[in-house]
Amino acid sequence: MLTVTDPGAEQAAGVRYSSPVAADWIDAHGLPLWPAAERNKQPIAAVLRSVLPESGLLLEIASGTGQHALHFVEALPGWTIQPSECDPAHLETLRRRVLLAAHPRLLAPLALDTTRDDPALALAPSAIYCANMVHIAPWAACRGLFVVGARLLQEGGLLVTYGPYSVQGKHTADSNDSFDRSLRERNPDWGVRDVTAVEAVAGEQGFVLAATHDMPANNLLLEWRRANRAV
């Protein structure tokens, strides 16, 4: 995966902006690159290396453009990555990126919506990873994430979420407060979620918050462990 560091490097690497004011980059194959995913993929992978066992099957939920999946398959050499997505446009981008990568440990993406049925997986995942979904999706998607996790993971299994969160009702930075307000203006069902609220729905499905990692740009990476079967 290409890492963009400056406009000169972008041009030399064949990356172009889709418009002068666009937030996304476009790679040499015409596929979008989200700048935030390019920035955060390395620090996220570093934490995953420290919390995951040496090998397994990682189900990524809400893979978006597939930048994290493509990076993880190299950064986590013992792991097979199963990407998934529910948005049709993102799913098409994801399929094309996975096809171009042609990596034996990067599986063909699944259509997966956490508010609907479970994904059809040939093997049960060893862990689940979901970044930047719960704040730009209805609350039902967050609840459904843990429902899917409870059905697919064994006891002790790890579900990792990443993104901006508030803690005990307070934003961790002014920028997250502004971001939260902008999200809710765009869609009242969206918004930065409070860790305590996520803990409540996670607990309903037998998950406990095992660790919290401070990440760059005022984000958190949360480790959720599957403690026991939901009652």
C-alpha atoms as a PDB file:
ATOM      1  CA  MET A   1       0.000   0.000   0.000  1.00  0.00           C
ATOM      2  CA  LEU A   2       1.256   3.435  -0.900  1.00  0.00           C
ATOM      3  CA  THR A   3       1.951   5.889   1.910  1.00  0.00           C
ATOM      4  CA  VAL A   4       1.634   9.518   0.806  1.00  0.00           C
ATOM      5  CA  THR A   5       3.845  12.034   2.584  1.00  0.00           C
ATOM      6  CA  ASP A   6       3.791  15.171   0.437  1.00  0.00           C
ATOM      7  CA  PRO A   7       2.319  16.462  -2.856  1.00  0.00           C
ATOM      8  CA  GLY A   8       5.566  15.757  -4.715  1.00  0.00           C
ATOM      9  CA  ALA A   9       5.532  12.155  -3.555  1.00  0.00           C
ATOM     10  CA  GLU A  10       1.877  11.865  -4.553  1.00  0.00           C
ATOM     11  CA  GLN A  11       2.607  12.983  -8.086  1.00  0.00           C
ATOM     12  CA  ALA A  12       5.696  10.772  -8.401  1.00  0.00           C
ATOM     13  CA  ALA A  13       3.780   7.745  -7.192  1.00  0.00           C
ATOM     14  CA  GLY A  14       0.922   8.244  -9.616  1.00  0.00           C
ATOM     15  CA  VAL A  15      -1.526   9.502  -6.983  1.00  0.00           C
ATOM     16  CA  ARG A  16      -3.834  12.365  -7.864  1.00  0.00           C
ATOM     17  CA  TYR A  17      -6.596  14.221  -6.103  1.00  0.00           C
ATOM     18  CA  SER A  18     -10.035  13.579  -7.535  1.00  0.00           C
ATOM     19  CA  SER A  19     -10.672  17.339  -7.357  1.00  0.00           C
ATOM     20  CA  PRO A  20      -8.787  20.350  -5.956  1.00  0.00           C
ATOM     21  CA  VAL A  21     -10.830  20.243  -2.755  1.00  0.00           C
ATOM     22  CA  ALA A  22     -11.466  16.511  -2.456  1.00  0.00           C
ATOM     23  CA  ALA A  23     -10.623  14.784   0.817  1.00  0.00           C
ATOM     24  CA  ASP A  24      -9.743  11.509  -0.957  1.00  0.00           C
ATOM     25  CA  TRP A  25      -6.697  10.615  -3.018  1.00  0.00           C
ATOM     26  CA  ILE A  26      -6.904   8.359  -6.046  1.00  0.00           C
ATOM     27  CA  ASP A  27      -4.253   5.706  -6.593  1.00  0.00           C
ATOM     28  CA  ALA A  28      -2.647   4.618  -9.861  1.00  0.00           C
ATOM     29  CA  HIS A  29      -5.484   2.128 -10.431  1.00  0.00           C
ATOM     30  CA  GLY A  30      -8.171   4.797 -10.024  1.00  0.00           C
ATOM     31  CA  LEU A  31      -9.200   3.568  -6.577  1.00  0.00           C
ATOM     32  CA  PRO A  32      -9.796   6.007  -3.709  1.00  0.00           C
ATOM     33  CA  LEU A  33      -7.363   6.309  -0.814  1.00  0.00           C
ATOM     34  CA  TRP A  34      -8.636   7.833   2.404  1.00  0.00           C
ATOM     35  CA  PRO A  35      -5.891  10.067   3.873  1.00  0.00           C
ATOM     36  CA  ALA A  36      -6.892   9.206   7.465  1.00  0.00           C
ATOM     37  CA  ALA A  37      -6.526   5.484   6.753  1.00  0.00           C
ATOM     38  CA  GLU A  38      -3.067   6.083   5.319  1.00  0.00           C
ATOM     39  CA  ARG A  39      -2.071   7.969   8.463  1.00  0.00           C
ATOM     40  CA  ASN A  40      -3.478   5.598  11.072  1.00  0.00           C
ATOM     41  CA  LYS A  41      -2.842   2.160   9.555  1.00  0.00           C
ATOM     42  CA  GLN A  42       0.677   1.868  10.973  1.00  0.00           C
ATOM     43  CA  PRO A  43      -0.075   2.838  14.610  1.00  0.00           C
ATOM     44  CA  ILE A  44      -3.147   0.588  14.588  1.00  0.00           C
ATOM     45  CA  ALA A  45      -1.137  -2.341  13.217  1.00  0.00           C
ATOM     46  CA  ALA A  46       1.484  -1.788  15.924  1.00  0.00           C
ATOM     47  CA  VAL A  47      -1.142  -2.198  18.654  1.00  0.00           C
ATOM     48  CA  LEU A  48      -2.692  -5.208  16.942  1.00  0.00           C
ATOM     49  CA  ARG A  49       0.711  -6.917  16.833  1.00  0.00           C
ATOM     50  CA  SER A  50       0.965  -6.474  20.598  1.00  0.00           C
ATOM     51  CA  VAL A  51      -2.510  -7.802  21.473  1.00  0.00           C
ATOM     52  CA  LEU A  52      -3.156 -10.550  18.915  1.00  0.00           C
ATOM     53  CA  PRO A  53      -1.653 -14.037  18.997  1.00  0.00           C
ATOM     54  CA  GLU A  54       0.857 -14.964  16.323  1.00  0.00           C
ATOM     55  CA  SER A  55      -1.659 -16.301  13.838  1.00  0.00           C
ATOM     56  CA  GLY A  56      -5.355 -16.549  13.078  1.00  0.00           C
ATOM     57  CA  LEU A  57      -8.220 -15.274  10.950  1.00  0.00           C
ATOM     58  CA  LEU A  58      -9.055 -11.584  11.414  1.00  0.00           C
ATOM     59  CA  LEU A  59     -12.514 -10.476  10.316  1.00  0.00           C
ATOM     60  CA  GLU A  60     -12.526  -6.778   9.513  1.00  0.00           C
ATOM     61  CA  ILE A  61     -15.985  -5.195   9.664  1.00  0.00           C
ATOM     62  CA  ALA A  62     -16.591  -1.965   7.688  1.00  0.00           C
ATOM     63  CA  SER A  63     -13.382  -2.252   5.676  1.00  0.00           C
ATOM     64  CA  GLY A  64     -14.179   0.794   3.533  1.00  0.00           C
ATOM     65  CA  THR A  65     -11.570   1.145   0.790  1.00  0.00           C
ATOM     66  CA  GLY A  66      -9.534  -1.817   2.046  1.00  0.00           C
ATOM     67  CA  GLN A  67      -6.430   0.178   2.970  1.00  0.00           C
ATOM     68  CA  HIS A  68      -6.248  -1.288   6.475  1.00  0.00           C
ATOM     69  CA  ALA A  69      -6.838  -4.845   5.234  1.00  0.00           C
ATOM     70  CA  LEU A  70      -4.070  -4.537   2.675  1.00  0.00           C
ATOM     71  CA  HIS A  71      -1.663  -3.109   5.239  1.00  0.00           C
ATOM     72  CA  PHE A  72      -2.519  -5.673   7.916  1.00  0.00           C
ATOM     73  CA  VAL A  73      -1.873  -8.642   5.642  1.00  0.00           C
ATOM     74  CA  GLU A  74       1.763  -7.487   5.462  1.00  0.00           C
ATOM     75  CA  ALA A  75       2.063  -6.148   9.023  1.00  0.00           C
ATOM     76  CA  LEU A  76       0.555  -9.292  10.603  1.00  0.00           C
ATOM     77  CA  PRO A  77       2.346 -12.088   8.731  1.00  0.00           C
ATOM     78  CA  GLY A  78       0.680 -14.933  10.626  1.00  0.00           C
ATOM     79  CA  TRP A  79      -2.826 -13.662  10.005  1.00  0.00           C
ATOM     80  CA  THR A  80      -5.340 -14.176   7.221  1.00  0.00           C
ATOM     81  CA  ILE A  81      -7.496 -11.092   6.700  1.00  0.00           C
ATOM     82  CA  GLN A  82     -11.205 -11.328   5.849  1.00  0.00           C
ATOM     83  CA  PRO A  83     -12.460  -7.859   4.857  1.00  0.00           C
ATOM     84  CA  SER A  84     -16.155  -6.962   4.711  1.00  0.00           C
ATOM     85  CA  GLU A  85     -18.356  -3.981   3.910  1.00  0.00           C
ATOM     86  CA  CYS A  86     -22.055  -3.111   3.624  1.00  0.00           C
ATOM     87  CA  ASP A  87     -21.909   0.014   1.438  1.00  0.00           C
ATOM     88  CA  PRO A  88     -22.173  -1.083  -2.239  1.00  0.00           C
ATOM     89  CA  ALA A  89     -19.759   1.563  -3.554  1.00  0.00           C
ATOM     90  CA  HIS A  90     -17.139   0.803  -0.903  1.00  0.00           C
ATOM     91  CA  LEU A  91     -17.639  -2.925  -1.439  1.00  0.00           C
ATOM     92  CA  GLU A  92     -16.860  -2.560  -5.141  1.00  0.00           C
ATOM     93  CA  THR A  93     -13.688  -0.576  -4.354  1.00  0.00           C
ATOM     94  CA  LEU A  94     -12.752  -3.211  -1.784  1.00  0.00           C
ATOM     95  CA  ARG A  95     -13.254  -6.052  -4.252  1.00  0.00           C
ATOM     96  CA  ARG A  96     -11.084  -4.352  -6.854  1.00  0.00           C
ATOM     97  CA  ARG A  97      -8.296  -3.563  -4.370  1.00  0.00           C
ATOM     98  CA  VAL A  98      -8.236  -7.147  -3.034  1.00  0.00           C
ATOM     99  CA  LEU A  99      -8.222  -8.539  -6.574  1.00  0.00           C
ATOM    100  CA  LEU A 100      -5.295  -6.309  -7.550  1.00  0.00           C
ATOM    101  CA  ALA A 101      -3.361  -7.290  -4.420  1.00  0.00           C
ATOM    102  CA  ALA A 102      -3.712 -11.006  -5.233  1.00  0.00           C
ATOM    103  CA  HIS A 103      -2.398 -11.904  -1.780  1.00  0.00           C
ATOM    104  CA  PRO A 104      -3.042 -15.478  -0.578  1.00  0.00           C
ATOM    105  CA  ARG A 105      -3.870 -14.298   2.979  1.00  0.00           C
ATOM    106  CA  LEU A 106      -6.217 -11.511   1.865  1.00  0.00           C
ATOM    107  CA  LEU A 107      -9.613 -13.089   1.238  1.00  0.00           C
ATOM    108  CA  ALA A 108     -12.345 -11.944  -1.118  1.00  0.00           C
ATOM    109  CA  PRO A 109     -14.529  -9.420   0.741  1.00  0.00           C
ATOM    110  CA  LEU A 110     -17.930 -10.236   2.188  1.00  0.00           C
ATOM    111  CA  ALA A 111     -21.095  -8.142   2.083  1.00  0.00           C
ATOM    112  CA  LEU A 112     -21.778  -7.678   5.801  1.00  0.00           C
ATOM    113  CA  ASP A 113     -24.257  -5.378   7.511  1.00  0.00           C
ATOM    114  CA  THR A 114     -24.172  -5.637  11.312  1.00  0.00           C
ATOM    115  CA  THR A 115     -27.847  -4.658  11.506  1.00  0.00           C
ATOM    116  CA  ARG A 116     -28.796  -7.710   9.438  1.00  0.00           C
ATOM    117  CA  ASP A 117     -27.859 -11.384   9.218  1.00  0.00           C
ATOM    118  CA  ASP A 118     -24.512 -12.891  10.212  1.00  0.00           C
ATOM    119  CA  PRO A 119     -21.872 -13.201   7.491  1.00  0.00           C
ATOM    120  CA  ALA A 120     -21.423 -16.536   5.767  1.00  0.00           C
ATOM    121  CA  LEU A 121     -17.918 -17.475   6.912  1.00  0.00           C
ATOM    122  CA  ALA A 122     -16.223 -20.746   6.038  1.00  0.00           C
ATOM    123  CA  LEU A 123     -14.214 -20.534   9.280  1.00  0.00           C
ATOM    124  CA  ALA A 124     -14.888 -18.809  12.586  1.00  0.00           C
ATOM    125  CA  PRO A 125     -12.672 -15.730  13.033  1.00  0.00           C
ATOM    126  CA  SER A 126     -10.019 -15.696  15.738  1.00  0.00           C
ATOM    127  CA  ALA A 127     -10.586 -11.951  16.230  1.00  0.00           C
ATOM    128  CA  ILE A 128     -12.711  -9.105  14.848  1.00  0.00           C
ATOM    129  CA  TYR A 129     -11.546  -5.581  14.001  1.00  0.00           C
ATOM    130  CA  CYS A 130     -13.755  -2.554  13.240  1.00  0.00           C
ATOM    131  CA  ALA A 131     -12.469   0.992  12.706  1.00  0.00           C
ATOM    132  CA  ASN A 132     -14.366   4.248  12.328  1.00  0.00           C
ATOM    133  CA  MET A 133     -17.810   2.711  11.983  1.00  0.00           C
ATOM    134  CA  VAL A 134     -19.757   3.314  15.185  1.00  0.00           C
ATOM    135  CA  HIS A 135     -19.765   7.119  14.911  1.00  0.00           C
ATOM    136  CA  ILE A 136     -20.868   7.238  11.256  1.00  0.00           C
ATOM    137  CA  ALA A 137     -23.607   4.624  11.484  1.00  0.00           C
ATOM    138  CA  PRO A 138     -26.877   4.298  13.401  1.00  0.00           C
ATOM    139  CA  TRP A 139     -26.615   3.081  16.984  1.00  0.00           C
ATOM    140  CA  ALA A 140     -28.135  -0.214  15.812  1.00  0.00           C
ATOM    141  CA  ALA A 141     -24.915  -0.873  13.872  1.00  0.00           C
ATOM    142  CA  CYS A 142     -22.856  -0.609  17.067  1.00  0.00           C
ATOM    143  CA  ARG A 143     -25.220  -2.938  18.894  1.00  0.00           C
ATOM    144  CA  GLY A 144     -25.171  -5.318  15.919  1.00  0.00           C
ATOM    145  CA  LEU A 145     -21.368  -5.336  15.884  1.00  0.00           C
ATOM    146  CA  PHE A 146     -21.328  -7.001  19.299  1.00  0.00           C
ATOM    147  CA  VAL A 147     -24.195  -9.319  18.371  1.00  0.00           C
ATOM    148  CA  VAL A 148     -22.147 -10.546  15.405  1.00  0.00           C
ATOM    149  CA  GLY A 149     -19.074 -10.792  17.628  1.00  0.00           C
ATOM    150  CA  ALA A 150     -20.939 -12.847  20.223  1.00  0.00           C
ATOM    151  CA  ARG A 151     -22.121 -15.295  17.584  1.00  0.00           C
ATOM    152  CA  LEU A 152     -18.775 -15.702  15.826  1.00  0.00           C
ATOM    153  CA  LEU A 153     -16.101 -15.471  18.543  1.00  0.00           C
ATOM    154  CA  GLN A 154     -15.189 -18.104  21.083  1.00  0.00           C
ATOM    155  CA  GLU A 155     -14.965 -17.195  24.765  1.00  0.00           C
ATOM    156  CA  GLY A 156     -11.857 -15.093  25.279  1.00  0.00           C
ATOM    157  CA  GLY A 157     -12.011 -13.904  21.661  1.00  0.00           C
ATOM    158  CA  LEU A 158     -10.953 -10.343  20.902  1.00  0.00           C
ATOM    159  CA  LEU A 159     -13.053  -7.654  19.226  1.00  0.00           C
ATOM    160  CA  VAL A 160     -11.154  -4.405  18.545  1.00  0.00           C
ATOM    161  CA  THR A 161     -12.793  -1.067  17.798  1.00  0.00           C
ATOM    162  CA  TYR A 162     -11.012   2.126  16.803  1.00  0.00           C
ATOM    163  CA  GLY A 163     -12.128   5.721  16.390  1.00  0.00           C
ATOM    164  CA  PRO A 164     -13.077   8.875  18.302  1.00  0.00           C
ATOM    165  CA  TYR A 165     -14.908   8.370  21.602  1.00  0.00           C
ATOM    166  CA  SER A 166     -16.055  10.514  24.485  1.00  0.00           C
ATOM    167  CA  VAL A 167     -15.161   9.316  27.993  1.00  0.00           C
ATOM    168  CA  GLN A 168     -17.632   9.659  30.873  1.00  0.00           C
ATOM    169  CA  GLY A 169     -19.647  12.156  28.840  1.00  0.00           C
ATOM    170  CA  LYS A 170     -16.702  14.379  27.912  1.00  0.00           C
ATOM    171  CA  HIS A 171     -14.912  14.662  24.598  1.00  0.00           C
ATOM    172  CA  THR A 172     -11.195  13.975  24.721  1.00  0.00           C
ATOM    173  CA  ALA A 173     -10.430  17.050  22.589  1.00  0.00           C
ATOM    174  CA  ASP A 174     -12.186  20.159  21.280  1.00  0.00           C
ATOM    175  CA  SER A 175     -11.741  18.815  17.762  1.00  0.00           C
ATOM    176  CA  ASN A 176     -13.775  15.716  18.673  1.00  0.00           C
ATOM    177  CA  ASP A 177     -16.524  17.963  20.059  1.00  0.00           C
ATOM    178  CA  SER A 178     -16.661  19.863  16.757  1.00  0.00           C
ATOM    179  CA  PHE A 179     -16.564  16.602  14.810  1.00  0.00           C
ATOM    180  CA  ASP A 180     -19.428  15.207  16.868  1.00  0.00           C
ATOM    181  CA  ARG A 181     -21.592  18.261  16.194  1.00  0.00           C
ATOM    182  CA  SER A 182     -20.833  18.129  12.468  1.00  0.00           C
ATOM    183  CA  LEU A 183     -21.765  14.435  12.328  1.00  0.00           C
ATOM    184  CA  ARG A 184     -25.089  15.011  14.081  1.00  0.00           C
ATOM    185  CA  GLU A 185     -25.883  17.898  11.754  1.00  0.00           C
ATOM    186  CA  ARG A 186     -25.340  15.603   8.788  1.00  0.00           C
ATOM    187  CA  ASN A 187     -27.332  12.749  10.285  1.00  0.00           C
ATOM    188  CA  PRO A 188     -28.989  12.754  13.738  1.00  0.00           C
ATOM    189  CA  ASP A 189     -28.382   8.992  14.009  1.00  0.00           C
ATOM    190  CA  TRP A 190     -24.606   9.520  13.846  1.00  0.00           C
ATOM    191  CA  GLY A 191     -22.242  10.911  16.451  1.00  0.00           C
ATOM    192  CA  VAL A 192     -19.145  10.264  18.546  1.00  0.00           C
ATOM    193  CA  ARG A 193     -20.115   7.530  21.032  1.00  0.00           C
ATOM    194  CA  ASP A 194     -19.324   7.463  24.719  1.00  0.00           C
ATOM    195  CA  VAL A 195     -17.218   4.538  25.907  1.00  0.00           C
ATOM    196  CA  THR A 196     -19.684   3.874  28.749  1.00  0.00           C
ATOM    197  CA  ALA A 197     -22.594   3.578  26.309  1.00  0.00           C
ATOM    198  CA  VAL A 198     -20.619   1.153  24.132  1.00  0.00           C
ATOM    199  CA  GLU A 199     -19.672  -0.824  27.251  1.00  0.00           C
ATOM    200  CA  ALA A 200     -23.348  -1.261  28.048  1.00  0.00           C
ATOM    201  CA  VAL A 201     -24.260  -2.799  24.668  1.00  0.00           C
ATOM    202  CA  ALA A 202     -21.044  -4.825  24.651  1.00  0.00           C
ATOM    203  CA  GLY A 203     -21.896  -6.219  28.092  1.00  0.00           C
ATOM    204  CA  GLU A 204     -25.297  -7.354  26.866  1.00  0.00           C
ATOM    205  CA  GLN A 205     -23.452  -9.694  24.508  1.00  0.00           C
ATOM    206  CA  GLY A 206     -20.890 -10.925  27.030  1.00  0.00           C
ATOM    207  CA  PHE A 207     -18.006  -8.570  26.151  1.00  0.00           C
ATOM    208  CA  VAL A 208     -15.877  -6.691  28.657  1.00  0.00           C
ATOM    209  CA  LEU A 209     -13.574  -3.746  27.984  1.00  0.00           C
ATOM    210  CA  ALA A 210     -10.135  -5.271  28.579  1.00  0.00           C
ATOM    211  CA  ALA A 211      -7.883  -2.349  27.596  1.00  0.00           C
ATOM    212  CA  THR A 212      -7.945   1.174  26.193  1.00  0.00           C
ATOM    213  CA  HIS A 213      -5.124   2.490  24.019  1.00  0.00           C
ATOM    214  CA  ASP A 214      -4.607   6.190  23.346  1.00  0.00           C
ATOM    215  CA  MET A 215      -3.972   6.704  19.636  1.00  0.00           C
ATOM    216  CA  PRO A 216      -2.871   9.635  17.458  1.00  0.00           C
ATOM    217  CA  ALA A 217      -5.345  12.384  16.490  1.00  0.00           C
ATOM    218  CA  ASN A 218      -7.427  11.964  19.693  1.00  0.00           C
ATOM    219  CA  ASN A 219      -8.645   8.482  18.829  1.00  0.00           C
ATOM    220  CA  LEU A 220      -8.901   5.393  21.029  1.00  0.00           C
ATOM    221  CA  LEU A 221      -8.373   1.738  20.286  1.00  0.00           C
ATOM    222  CA  LEU A 222     -10.549  -0.432  22.539  1.00  0.00           C
ATOM    223  CA  GLU A 223      -9.996  -4.138  23.276  1.00  0.00           C
ATOM    224  CA  TRP A 224     -13.219  -6.035  23.970  1.00  0.00           C
ATOM    225  CA  ARG A 225     -12.925  -9.602  25.272  1.00  0.00           C
ATOM    226  CA  ARG A 226     -15.644 -12.214  24.879  1.00  0.00           C
ATOM    227  CA  ALA A 227     -16.180 -13.204  28.499  1.00  0.00           C
ATOM    228  CA  ASN A 228     -19.124 -15.603  28.358  1.00  0.00           C
ATOM    229  CA  ARG A 229     -22.257 -16.345  26.443  1.00  0.00           C
ATOM    230  CA  ALA A 230     -24.893 -13.592  26.501  1.00  0.00           C
ATOM    231  CA  VAL A 231     -27.921 -14.310  28.651  1.00  0.00           C
END
